[in-house]
Amino acid sequence: MTNRSVLTPDALRALLGQRILVLDGAMGTMIQQYKLQEEDYRGTEFANWSTDLKGNNDLLVLTKPELILDIHRQYLAAGADILETNSFNATPIAMADYDMSHLSARINRESAALARQACDEYSTPDKPRFVAGVLGPTNRTASISPDVNDPGYRNVDFDTLVEAYCESTHALIEGGADIIMLETIFDTLNAKAAAFAVLKVFDELGFSLPVMISGTITDASGRTLSGQTTEAFYHSLAHVQPVSFGLNCALGPDLLRPYVETLSGISECYVSVHPNAGLPNEFGEYDLDAVEMAKEIADWAEQGFLNIVGGCCGTTPEHIRAISDVVAGKPARQPKEKTHQFHLSGLEAFGLEW
């Protein structure tokens, strides 16, 4: 592990109570601008690899580390307080698509080390920068069968997910992560496995880092892919006691707004949001520019919805700079007071008050 002070959950909570922090933007969108080819992904070490590697963006921390470092620096220069590691698909489960499961720990470790290097370069006493070690949802779902003819079939189980997430979490912390971030959650059972793994690793290490949880509302139904409403999703994972609970991906800020408002109205922890730059067009590109996106975010800040805000698919340093400018000086949202309620959740939320 890098020689650094451990960021405690309480220390981050204190900062979040003072001002709105800015998360970085999309890594994949930036990588696409470099128009990399197969040989760029392979580099020297993987020149003779048996599978195609183009599109394995996480592998670039090994084959193109300076490119990833440059992207991190661009987001920090644009005003980001928190950098996400380039490890979204770096679990052994997702890396199996490239026959690279055995490289998962190394990729997570290096992704955190690169983000750590960039943050250390830009941190000042007045504006510290933090590394969020990203645990993505994997490319499998523990709640839904991939076979429409066999609803009971699953291509992954809880214990396998826990094992994979434990490996990734250890490596992210070894590489220098300040925060562990579970993001783009579409299946709450996957997220429960991730949370269980993270807390298990904390127990093994003897200290805890702040945890951020961010789910994704997949469409206008207002539900996650596994069917939960925003409220049900929140109550399903509130026991983890994360520093922040939030939403990201899938939707642009206009369509995401009602769910952000809902989450802000119930969350007893801080709220994070990083939406897409609108919906993709027919070419798979995102058309919402930085100025228009920042206008939406400014309204959220004015309404008191936010503690952490950034961008997901389609966003660039230009978007993050505009967002950073509009939230500067805006008051940070204060968490809701804890209520004496018993909360349950399936697809819907249910509470009992006494």
Protein backbone atom coordinates (compact mmCIF):
# COMPACT_ATOMS: atom_id res chain seq x y z
CA MET A 1 0.00 0.00 0.00
CA THR A 2 1.16 3.54 -0.66
CA ASN A 3 2.48 5.48 2.32
CA ARG A 4 -0.41 7.82 2.99
CA SER A 5 -2.94 8.79 5.62
CA VAL A 6 -6.16 6.81 5.43
CA LEU A 7 -9.19 8.93 4.58
CA THR A 8 -11.77 8.09 7.22
CA PRO A 9 -15.51 8.14 6.54
CA ASP A 10 -15.97 10.85 9.18
CA ALA A 11 -13.32 13.07 7.59
CA LEU A 12 -15.01 12.88 4.20
CA ARG A 13 -18.43 13.49 5.77
CA ALA A 14 -17.09 16.66 7.37
CA LEU A 15 -15.90 17.94 3.98
CA LEU A 16 -19.17 16.98 2.27
CA GLY A 17 -21.08 18.98 4.83
CA GLN A 18 -19.13 22.09 3.86
CA ARG A 19 -19.27 22.16 0.06
CA ILE A 20 -20.36 20.28 -3.04
CA LEU A 21 -17.54 18.06 -4.30
CA VAL A 22 -16.98 17.49 -8.01
CA LEU A 23 -16.51 14.01 -9.43
CA ASP A 24 -14.71 13.50 -12.73
CA GLY A 25 -16.34 12.61 -16.05
CA ALA A 26 -16.34 9.68 -18.46
CA MET A 27 -13.18 7.69 -19.00
CA GLY A 28 -14.50 5.72 -21.99
CA THR A 29 -15.60 8.86 -23.83
CA MET A 30 -12.13 10.31 -23.50
CA ILE A 31 -10.41 7.09 -24.56
CA GLN A 32 -12.55 6.98 -27.71
CA GLN A 33 -11.13 10.34 -28.78
CA TYR A 34 -7.69 8.75 -29.12
CA LYS A 35 -9.02 6.28 -31.75
CA LEU A 36 -6.89 3.45 -30.41
CA GLN A 37 -6.36 0.31 -32.45
CA GLU A 38 -5.84 -3.32 -31.49
CA GLU A 39 -2.08 -2.92 -31.23
CA ASP A 40 -2.50 -0.03 -28.79
CA TYR A 41 -4.42 -2.26 -26.41
CA ARG A 42 -1.94 -5.11 -26.79
CA GLY A 43 1.26 -3.16 -26.33
CA THR A 44 4.41 -5.26 -26.05
CA GLU A 45 3.39 -7.52 -23.18
CA PHE A 46 0.19 -8.77 -24.80
CA ALA A 47 1.28 -8.65 -28.45
CA ASN A 48 0.55 -12.35 -28.93
CA TRP A 49 -2.55 -12.62 -26.74
CA SER A 50 -5.04 -15.24 -27.91
CA THR A 51 -8.14 -13.01 -27.91
CA ASP A 52 -9.00 -9.59 -29.33
CA LEU A 53 -8.24 -6.86 -26.79
CA LYS A 54 -9.57 -3.72 -28.46
CA GLY A 55 -12.22 -2.23 -26.18
CA ASN A 56 -10.67 -3.55 -22.97
CA ASN A 57 -10.21 -0.04 -21.62
CA ASP A 58 -9.15 -1.17 -18.17
CA LEU A 59 -6.13 -2.96 -19.68
CA LEU A 60 -4.79 0.42 -20.80
CA VAL A 61 -3.48 1.07 -17.29
CA LEU A 62 -0.86 -1.55 -18.19
CA THR A 63 -0.34 -0.89 -21.91
CA LYS A 64 -0.99 2.88 -22.14
CA PRO A 65 -0.53 4.23 -18.59
CA GLU A 66 0.53 7.71 -19.75
CA LEU A 67 -2.73 8.05 -21.70
CA ILE A 68 -4.82 7.19 -18.63
CA LEU A 69 -2.71 9.50 -16.48
CA ASP A 70 -3.21 12.32 -18.99
CA ILE A 71 -7.00 11.88 -18.86
CA HIS A 72 -6.92 11.96 -15.06
CA ARG A 73 -4.88 15.17 -15.16
CA GLN A 74 -7.33 16.79 -17.57
CA TYR A 75 -10.22 16.14 -15.19
CA LEU A 76 -8.27 17.45 -12.21
CA ALA A 77 -7.34 20.58 -14.13
CA ALA A 78 -11.05 21.02 -14.89
CA GLY A 79 -11.84 21.12 -11.17
CA ALA A 80 -12.56 17.52 -10.15
CA ASP A 81 -12.15 16.76 -6.46
CA ILE A 82 -12.59 13.00 -6.87
CA LEU A 83 -11.05 10.81 -9.57
CA GLU A 84 -12.55 7.43 -10.43
CA THR A 85 -10.08 4.66 -11.15
CA ASN A 86 -10.06 3.09 -14.61
CA SER A 87 -11.25 -0.24 -13.20
CA PHE A 88 -14.95 -0.41 -14.05
CA ASN A 89 -14.65 -3.85 -15.69
CA ALA A 90 -11.59 -5.06 -13.83
CA THR A 91 -13.19 -7.81 -11.75
CA PRO A 92 -12.09 -11.39 -12.49
CA ILE A 93 -15.66 -12.03 -13.70
CA ALA A 94 -15.71 -9.30 -16.36
CA MET A 95 -12.08 -9.86 -17.35
CA ALA A 96 -12.93 -13.47 -18.22
CA ASP A 97 -14.24 -12.14 -21.56
CA TYR A 98 -10.62 -11.50 -22.52
CA ASP A 99 -9.14 -14.57 -20.74
CA MET A 100 -7.56 -12.12 -18.31
CA SER A 101 -9.18 -12.97 -14.98
CA HIS A 102 -5.74 -13.58 -13.49
CA LEU A 103 -4.77 -9.96 -14.27
CA SER A 104 -7.67 -8.43 -12.37
CA ALA A 105 -5.78 -7.62 -9.17
CA ARG A 106 -2.86 -6.13 -11.07
CA ILE A 107 -5.13 -3.93 -13.19
CA ASN A 108 -7.03 -2.67 -10.14
CA ARG A 109 -3.81 -1.95 -8.30
CA GLU A 110 -2.29 -0.04 -11.22
CA SER A 111 -5.51 1.87 -11.93
CA ALA A 112 -5.53 3.12 -8.35
CA ALA A 113 -1.81 3.94 -8.45
CA LEU A 114 -2.23 6.08 -11.58
CA ALA A 115 -5.17 7.99 -10.10
CA ARG A 116 -3.19 8.35 -6.86
CA GLN A 117 -0.24 9.84 -8.74
CA ALA A 118 -2.46 12.38 -10.49
CA CYS A 119 -4.28 13.35 -7.30
CA ASP A 120 -1.03 13.81 -5.41
CA GLU A 121 0.21 16.11 -8.18
CA TYR A 122 -2.86 18.35 -7.97
CA SER A 123 -3.72 18.25 -4.25
CA THR A 124 -3.28 21.38 -2.15
CA PRO A 125 -4.12 22.02 1.52
CA ASP A 126 -7.19 24.00 0.41
CA LYS A 127 -8.27 21.53 -2.27
CA PRO A 128 -7.32 17.93 -1.55
CA ARG A 129 -8.03 15.44 -4.34
CA PHE A 130 -9.30 11.93 -3.70
CA VAL A 131 -9.15 8.58 -5.48
CA ALA A 132 -12.39 6.61 -5.72
CA GLY A 133 -11.59 2.97 -6.37
CA VAL A 134 -14.35 1.83 -8.73
CA LEU A 135 -16.12 -1.51 -8.48
CA GLY A 136 -18.37 -1.91 -11.51
CA PRO A 137 -21.45 -4.13 -11.64
CA THR A 138 -19.77 -6.92 -13.68
CA ASN A 139 -21.35 -8.23 -16.88
CA ARG A 140 -23.52 -10.76 -15.07
CA THR A 141 -26.61 -10.49 -12.89
CA ALA A 142 -27.39 -12.56 -9.83
CA SER A 143 -31.10 -11.69 -9.91
CA ILE A 144 -32.10 -12.28 -13.52
CA SER A 145 -31.72 -15.30 -15.77
CA PRO A 146 -29.89 -14.69 -19.06
CA ASP A 147 -32.01 -17.47 -20.58
CA VAL A 148 -35.65 -16.53 -21.22
CA ASN A 149 -36.50 -20.22 -21.45
CA ASP A 150 -35.08 -20.95 -18.00
CA PRO A 151 -36.08 -18.22 -15.51
CA GLY A 152 -34.39 -20.00 -12.62
CA TYR A 153 -30.97 -20.15 -14.25
CA ARG A 154 -28.17 -17.84 -13.09
CA ASN A 155 -24.75 -17.41 -14.68
CA VAL A 156 -23.21 -16.16 -11.42
CA ASP A 157 -23.84 -16.69 -7.72
CA PHE A 158 -23.41 -14.54 -4.62
CA ASP A 159 -20.26 -16.27 -3.34
CA THR A 160 -18.50 -15.95 -6.70
CA LEU A 161 -19.30 -12.24 -6.78
CA VAL A 162 -18.03 -11.78 -3.23
CA GLU A 163 -14.76 -13.53 -4.05
CA ALA A 164 -14.24 -11.38 -7.14
CA TYR A 165 -15.05 -8.13 -5.36
CA CYS A 166 -12.78 -9.00 -2.43
CA GLU A 167 -9.84 -9.40 -4.79
CA SER A 168 -10.56 -6.11 -6.55
CA THR A 169 -11.11 -4.19 -3.31
CA HIS A 170 -7.83 -5.36 -1.80
CA ALA A 171 -5.97 -4.32 -4.95
CA LEU A 172 -7.63 -0.89 -5.16
CA ILE A 173 -6.67 -0.14 -1.56
CA GLU A 174 -3.13 -1.39 -2.14
CA GLY A 175 -2.88 0.96 -5.11
CA GLY A 176 -3.88 4.00 -3.06
CA ALA A 177 -7.67 4.41 -3.21
CA ASP A 178 -9.17 6.81 -0.65
CA ILE A 179 -12.77 5.76 -1.30
CA ILE A 180 -14.42 2.57 -2.53
CA MET A 181 -17.18 3.29 -5.02
CA LEU A 182 -19.85 0.81 -6.09
CA GLU A 183 -21.27 2.35 -9.23
CA THR A 184 -23.71 1.82 -12.10
CA ILE A 185 -25.55 -0.76 -10.05
CA PHE A 186 -28.35 -2.38 -12.05
CA ASP A 187 -28.84 -5.45 -9.84
CA THR A 188 -29.12 -4.91 -6.10
CA LEU A 189 -28.05 -8.48 -5.35
CA ASN A 190 -24.76 -7.86 -7.16
CA ALA A 191 -24.39 -4.70 -5.11
CA LYS A 192 -25.07 -6.56 -1.87
CA ALA A 193 -22.29 -8.98 -2.78
CA ALA A 194 -19.96 -6.07 -3.51
CA ALA A 195 -20.84 -4.35 -0.24
CA PHE A 196 -20.38 -7.57 1.72
CA ALA A 197 -16.96 -8.02 0.12
CA VAL A 198 -15.88 -4.45 0.84
CA LEU A 199 -16.86 -4.67 4.50
CA LYS A 200 -15.12 -8.05 4.74
CA VAL A 201 -11.91 -6.53 3.39
CA PHE A 202 -12.18 -3.64 5.86
CA ASP A 203 -12.46 -6.17 8.69
CA GLU A 204 -9.37 -7.97 7.43
CA LEU A 205 -7.35 -4.76 7.14
CA GLY A 206 -8.49 -3.30 10.44
CA PHE A 207 -9.63 0.05 9.04
CA SER A 208 -12.48 1.40 6.91
CA LEU A 209 -12.51 3.72 3.94
CA PRO A 210 -15.54 5.77 2.91
CA VAL A 211 -17.94 3.87 0.66
CA MET A 212 -19.97 5.47 -2.14
CA ILE A 213 -22.93 3.63 -3.66
CA SER A 214 -24.42 4.68 -7.00
CA GLY A 215 -27.20 2.90 -8.86
CA THR A 216 -28.60 3.34 -12.33
CA ILE A 217 -32.21 3.94 -13.35
CA THR A 218 -32.33 2.21 -16.71
CA ASP A 219 -35.28 3.92 -18.40
CA ALA A 220 -38.41 6.03 -17.95
CA SER A 221 -39.95 3.34 -15.73
CA GLY A 222 -37.89 4.83 -12.90
CA ARG A 223 -36.53 1.44 -11.88
CA THR A 224 -33.24 -0.41 -11.91
CA LEU A 225 -32.82 -3.28 -14.35
CA SER A 226 -33.71 -5.73 -11.59
CA GLY A 227 -36.94 -3.80 -11.01
CA GLN A 228 -36.47 -1.66 -7.91
CA THR A 229 -37.65 1.90 -7.47
CA THR A 230 -35.20 4.51 -6.24
CA GLU A 231 -36.62 4.27 -2.70
CA ALA A 232 -36.47 0.48 -2.62
CA PHE A 233 -32.91 0.48 -3.94
CA TYR A 234 -31.86 2.96 -1.26
CA HIS A 235 -33.41 0.99 1.60
CA SER A 236 -31.93 -2.26 0.30
CA LEU A 237 -28.39 -0.95 0.82
CA ALA A 238 -28.76 1.64 3.59
CA HIS A 239 -27.39 -0.90 6.10
CA VAL A 240 -23.94 -0.47 4.53
CA GLN A 241 -23.90 3.08 5.98
CA PRO A 242 -22.18 4.60 2.95
CA VAL A 243 -20.85 8.13 2.97
CA SER A 244 -22.98 8.83 -0.08
CA PHE A 245 -25.81 7.25 -2.03
CA GLY A 246 -26.44 8.26 -5.61
CA LEU A 247 -27.44 7.69 -9.21
CA ASN A 248 -25.46 7.62 -12.43
CA CYS A 249 -25.49 6.60 -16.10
CA ALA A 250 -28.36 5.56 -18.44
CA LEU A 251 -30.18 8.92 -18.41
CA GLY A 252 -29.34 12.56 -18.99
CA PRO A 253 -29.88 15.17 -16.26
CA ASP A 254 -33.36 16.12 -17.48
CA LEU A 255 -34.76 12.59 -17.22
CA LEU A 256 -32.80 11.78 -14.07
CA ARG A 257 -33.98 14.83 -12.14
CA PRO A 258 -37.14 13.38 -10.49
CA TYR A 259 -35.19 10.42 -9.14
CA VAL A 260 -32.44 12.67 -7.81
CA GLU A 261 -35.10 14.71 -6.04
CA THR A 262 -36.62 11.55 -4.58
CA LEU A 263 -33.27 10.31 -3.33
CA SER A 264 -32.39 13.69 -1.87
CA GLY A 265 -35.69 13.67 0.01
CA ILE A 266 -35.08 10.37 1.79
CA SER A 267 -31.33 9.85 2.09
CA GLU A 268 -29.85 9.92 5.57
CA CYS A 269 -26.40 10.13 4.02
CA TYR A 270 -24.93 12.44 1.39
CA VAL A 271 -26.11 12.32 -2.23
CA SER A 272 -24.01 11.87 -5.36
CA VAL A 273 -25.09 12.16 -9.00
CA HIS A 274 -23.20 11.74 -12.26
CA PRO A 275 -25.59 11.62 -15.22
CA ASN A 276 -24.89 11.01 -18.89
CA ALA A 277 -24.57 13.90 -21.32
CA GLY A 278 -28.13 13.26 -22.47
CA LEU A 279 -29.29 10.15 -24.32
CA PRO A 280 -27.17 8.72 -27.15
CA ASN A 281 -28.12 9.66 -30.70
CA GLU A 282 -28.45 7.23 -33.60
CA PHE A 283 -24.66 7.07 -33.88
CA GLY A 284 -24.22 6.26 -30.19
CA GLU A 285 -22.84 9.72 -29.45
CA TYR A 286 -23.93 12.19 -26.78
CA ASP A 287 -25.12 15.63 -27.82
CA LEU A 288 -25.70 17.51 -24.55
CA ASP A 289 -22.99 20.13 -24.38
CA ALA A 290 -21.25 21.40 -21.28
CA VAL A 291 -23.22 24.64 -20.98
CA GLU A 292 -26.64 22.99 -21.19
CA MET A 293 -25.67 20.20 -18.82
CA ALA A 294 -24.29 22.69 -16.31
CA LYS A 295 -27.59 24.59 -16.36
CA GLU A 296 -29.42 21.44 -15.24
CA ILE A 297 -26.84 20.78 -12.52
CA ALA A 298 -27.04 24.38 -11.32
CA ASP A 299 -30.77 23.93 -10.72
CA TRP A 300 -30.11 20.77 -8.69
CA ALA A 301 -27.60 22.67 -6.58
CA GLU A 302 -30.03 25.55 -6.07
CA GLN A 303 -32.69 23.08 -4.94
CA GLY A 304 -30.31 21.56 -2.39
CA PHE A 305 -30.12 18.09 -3.93
CA LEU A 306 -26.35 17.67 -4.13
CA ASN A 307 -23.20 16.76 -2.25
CA ILE A 308 -21.16 15.15 -5.03
CA VAL A 309 -21.74 15.74 -8.75
CA GLY A 310 -19.93 14.78 -11.93
CA GLY A 311 -20.51 13.19 -15.29
CA CYS A 312 -20.94 9.74 -16.79
CA CYS A 313 -21.13 8.63 -20.44
CA GLY A 314 -20.49 11.38 -22.97
CA THR A 315 -19.01 13.86 -20.53
CA THR A 316 -15.55 15.40 -20.91
CA PRO A 317 -13.30 17.79 -18.97
CA GLU A 318 -15.26 20.62 -20.59
CA HIS A 319 -18.44 19.33 -18.91
CA ILE A 320 -16.69 18.93 -15.58
CA ARG A 321 -15.24 22.45 -15.75
CA ALA A 322 -18.70 23.90 -16.40
CA ILE A 323 -20.24 21.85 -13.61
CA SER A 324 -17.46 22.82 -11.20
CA ASP A 325 -18.08 26.49 -11.98
CA VAL A 326 -21.85 26.38 -11.41
CA VAL A 327 -21.72 24.49 -8.09
CA ALA A 328 -18.90 26.59 -6.63
CA GLY A 329 -20.17 28.40 -3.57
CA LYS A 330 -23.53 26.62 -3.60
CA PRO A 331 -24.57 25.21 -0.21
CA ALA A 332 -24.09 21.50 0.30
CA ARG A 333 -27.17 19.37 0.95
CA GLN A 334 -27.53 18.23 4.56
CA PRO A 335 -28.56 14.61 5.16
CA LYS A 336 -32.03 13.86 6.46
CA GLU A 337 -32.31 13.20 10.16
CA LYS A 338 -32.57 9.55 11.06
CA THR A 339 -36.16 8.42 11.55
CA HIS A 340 -37.57 5.76 13.83
CA GLN A 341 -38.91 3.65 11.03
CA PHE A 342 -38.59 0.05 10.05
CA HIS A 343 -37.87 -0.09 6.31
CA LEU A 344 -38.34 -3.06 4.03
CA SER A 345 -37.94 -3.24 0.29
CA GLY A 346 -38.65 -5.61 -2.54
CA LEU A 347 -39.39 -3.97 -5.85
CA GLU A 348 -41.14 -1.23 -3.86
CA ALA A 349 -40.23 0.38 -0.53
CA PHE A 350 -42.27 -0.21 2.60
CA GLY A 351 -41.91 1.51 5.98
CA LEU A 352 -43.44 1.04 9.42
CA GLU A 353 -43.43 3.93 11.87
CA TRP A 354 -43.74 3.63 15.62
